[in-house]
Amino acid sequence: MANVTDLQTKYSKLAQEYSKLRAQNQVLKKGVVDEQANSVSLKEQLKQRDQSLRKQEQEMDSLSFRNQQLAKRVELLQEELATSESKGKKGKHGLQTQSVFDEDLQKKIEENERLHIQFYEADEQHRRQEAELRTRLQELEKDSDQHQAVVDGLTTKYMENIERLQSDKVRLEVKAQTLEREAKECRMRTEECQQQLRRCQSELNKQVKQSSSVIQEKVPFNDTKFSDFNSLNVPPHNRRHQLKSRDVAGQALSFIQDLVAALLNFHSYTEQRVHIYPLDSSIEPISPLNQKFSQYLHENAAYVRPLEDSFLQLHQSITEDTVTVLETVVKLKTFADNFSSYTHFLQKILPYQLKSLEEESAATLSTAALTAKNQELQSDMKRITSVFDKLKNYINLLALPSVQQDAMPQSSTSAVFTQLAACLHSLHDAIKEMSKHYNQKAGLEQELPTITQKLCTTSECLLGSLGSLTSSTGKIATFFSNNLDFFTSSGYSPRTSTLSLNPLQAESMLANKKKAAAYIQAIKKPRPQTVAYKEALTNRRILTSSTESREGLTQQVMQSQEKIARLEQEKEHWLLEAQLGKVRLEKENQRIADLEVQLAAALGGSPNSLTAAVSTLAQSHEEAEMEQKASGKEATLCTSLVGMLCTTSTVEHAGDEESREQLIKTHYMVRVGELTTQLQISDSKAVHFHSECRALAKRLAIAEKSRETLSEEVKVANQNITRLQDELTTTKRSYEDQLSMMSDHLCSMNETLSKQREEIDTLKLGSKGNAKKNKGR
């Protein structure tokens, strides 16, 4: 991600440079077009001048030829004149011809002078034009060289940009391939995780069904279902934590008192300064904005004083006999509300503070330095107000658990305390910065010529309040940072739960503390004397001797006689019952076989039938034991699933019936032993199943947690994959668009450069040909 952001920043920079170069290229295009137009006009002028020059050269050639002819004519005429003079005068005809020749010569001389003058002027004009054209040509060559250098620089820069973009494209393609491979691997891992999750869900669902059925049948009561009313979840009272809380609250109260005093002084002195500067209210009325600002500042005590009062109530509510956690500190909500009202007050007066500083900056004698300091103070006040707003949010979060149960977990509470400590440090830094700027501003104001003693005194008082405010906020920040471990630690935590303490548990804790104190006080009270051991032994001997007294013996004799009569009656009854033993035996054997079949079905069938059979066996076994104890030595009682068999210890009927009854008894006793072993085995299996169910329930909880974490990881991985794919597509599209645009632009630039080069080459060739012609002339 960091590489992608770096590439995006690089390509944004390249796009900015490209736009700049494009603008410069437009300017260069316009300049080149202008120069081309100028060069075309100059070419036309040069052609016209060449034509005029050729005409003048032709005229000069014709004039020079005519001049030579005239010179030859003059020479001939002079020779003729000399011959005529040597021969003498030959009459009037010679004189007339001489005068005609003289006039003709004079005309030719004048015409020659005129032609010389015109030739000289044309030559001078030609030289001037040639010099001007040469200078203009040099300038054009310099401009073309400069344009060529700029074009070369742009081409090199574009080539470097293209190479860099190509290398970045290659690198991004490699990165895209790696990302695609990673995405494929992530998809494969997610598919594997989903398959594992499905398998785990299926297995866990089976285990949950089995465990729920076993728990419903075998575990009818769960002691930890209602954790709020379970005595095991109530922690003991921590007296050391309470003493530490009381001490910390006392220290915080002193710091809050210092902070409240500093805030009151700061707002009061700010109100005095508004009445003094930039307009003195005793001389002329101040502006309506400052009047409103002063009215709001006059109400500062109504917002600042409740901070100290509410925190004092909070400190008084923390005693040695209370439970101090965020869920039980109800007074913290009052302090949070008062702090919120003070924050709203700061937000209400912030625009007036900013406007007041703007009025000070707009004063007639305000300097640029004072205006800069006022702007810095405006930013400082905005920063302080925002920091107070953050503090308000964190304090409201800390006060929320006392209003709403389970509003915030322990990890979030620790994070809030940490952020609150950092916010207090930032508040100290902001107030320190504002105090420094106010000090500099006061020094600049003392240099003004219209400063008054009242303003100087108010500024000193304001600086003093800012200094106390800086020291108090620094102390609060240091105090909070030093006690951050205490604030984030859980002084009260239930033994069987990781959750925070709720108010019900706090009430239970205090009730248990009162009960313990009452019990200790009851122990300290005087108790009645106990009986000595020797005296107790003597009393026991007296009691045993009293049971062996005559009255007890007579009562025992009467009871034994009554018992013998009752046994005789029972003997007669059992003699009649013995005759029906064979019939009952057959019936009971059939019943036993049916019961064995039912028991086998119950052992291999549902747990409910097993439980019913086992309970029936246990009940019958207990009844048999009780009746055996009741009958004593005189009668032997056997119980089983079939019924009850009683044999008396008489000697009269000691025949076949006794042996038969003994065999039946032994058979039923063996059967009862087998059923008892089966019952014990079933009990051990039930205990084993119960432990397995508990282990499966724990594994189920762990698997649920792992499933949730895996599902969250899968969601995060899918989000990352989609985000990376979107980024990859956007980057590919943007790179392709940029490369196509750059390639089109480079093609257009290459075409324009080739055209410019051709035009410059043609201009150079034309200028060189003109220079050669001029030199030849």
Foldseek 3Di string as FASTA:
>chain_A
DVVLVVVVVVVVVVVVVVVVVVVVVVVLVVVLVVLLVVLVVVVVVVVVLVVVVVVLVVVVVVLVVVVVVLVVVVVVVVVVVVVCVVVPDDDDVVVVVVVVVVVVNVVVVVVNVVVVVVNVVVVVVNVVVVVVSVVVLVVSVVVLVVSVVVLVVVVVVLVVVLVVLVVVVVVLVVVVVVLVVVLVVLVVVLVVVVVVLVVVVVVLVVLVVLLVVLCVVPPVDDQCPPVLPRPLQQFAQDLVLLVVVLVLLVVVLVLLVLLLVLVLLLLVLVLVLLCCPPHPCVVPNHDPLSVVLSVLSVCLCVLSVQLSVLSVVLSVVRDSLADDDLQASQSLQSNLVSLVVNLVSLVVNLVSLLVSLVVRCVDPQHDPVSNVLSVVLNVLSVQLSVLSVLLSVLSNVSNVNNVDPPPDWLVVQLVSLVVNLVSLVSNLVSLVSNLVSLVVSLVVLVPGPPDDPSSNVSSVSSSVSSVSNSVSSVVVSVSSVVCSVSSSDQPTGRPVDRTHDHVSSRVVNSVVVVVVVVVVVVVPDDDDDDDDPVVVVVVVVVVVVVCVDPVNVVVVVVVVVVVVVVVVVVVVVVVVVLVCVVVLVVVLVVVVVVVVVQQVCCVVDDVVSPVVVLVVLVVQVVVQVVVCVVVPQQKHWATAPRGIDIDGPDPPPPPPSVVVSVVVRVVRVVVSVVSVVVSVVVVVVSVVVNVVSVVSVVVSVVSVVVSVVSVVVSVVSVVVSVVVVVSSVVVVVVSVVVVVVSVVVVVVSVVVVVVSVVSVVVSVVVVVVVVVVVVVD
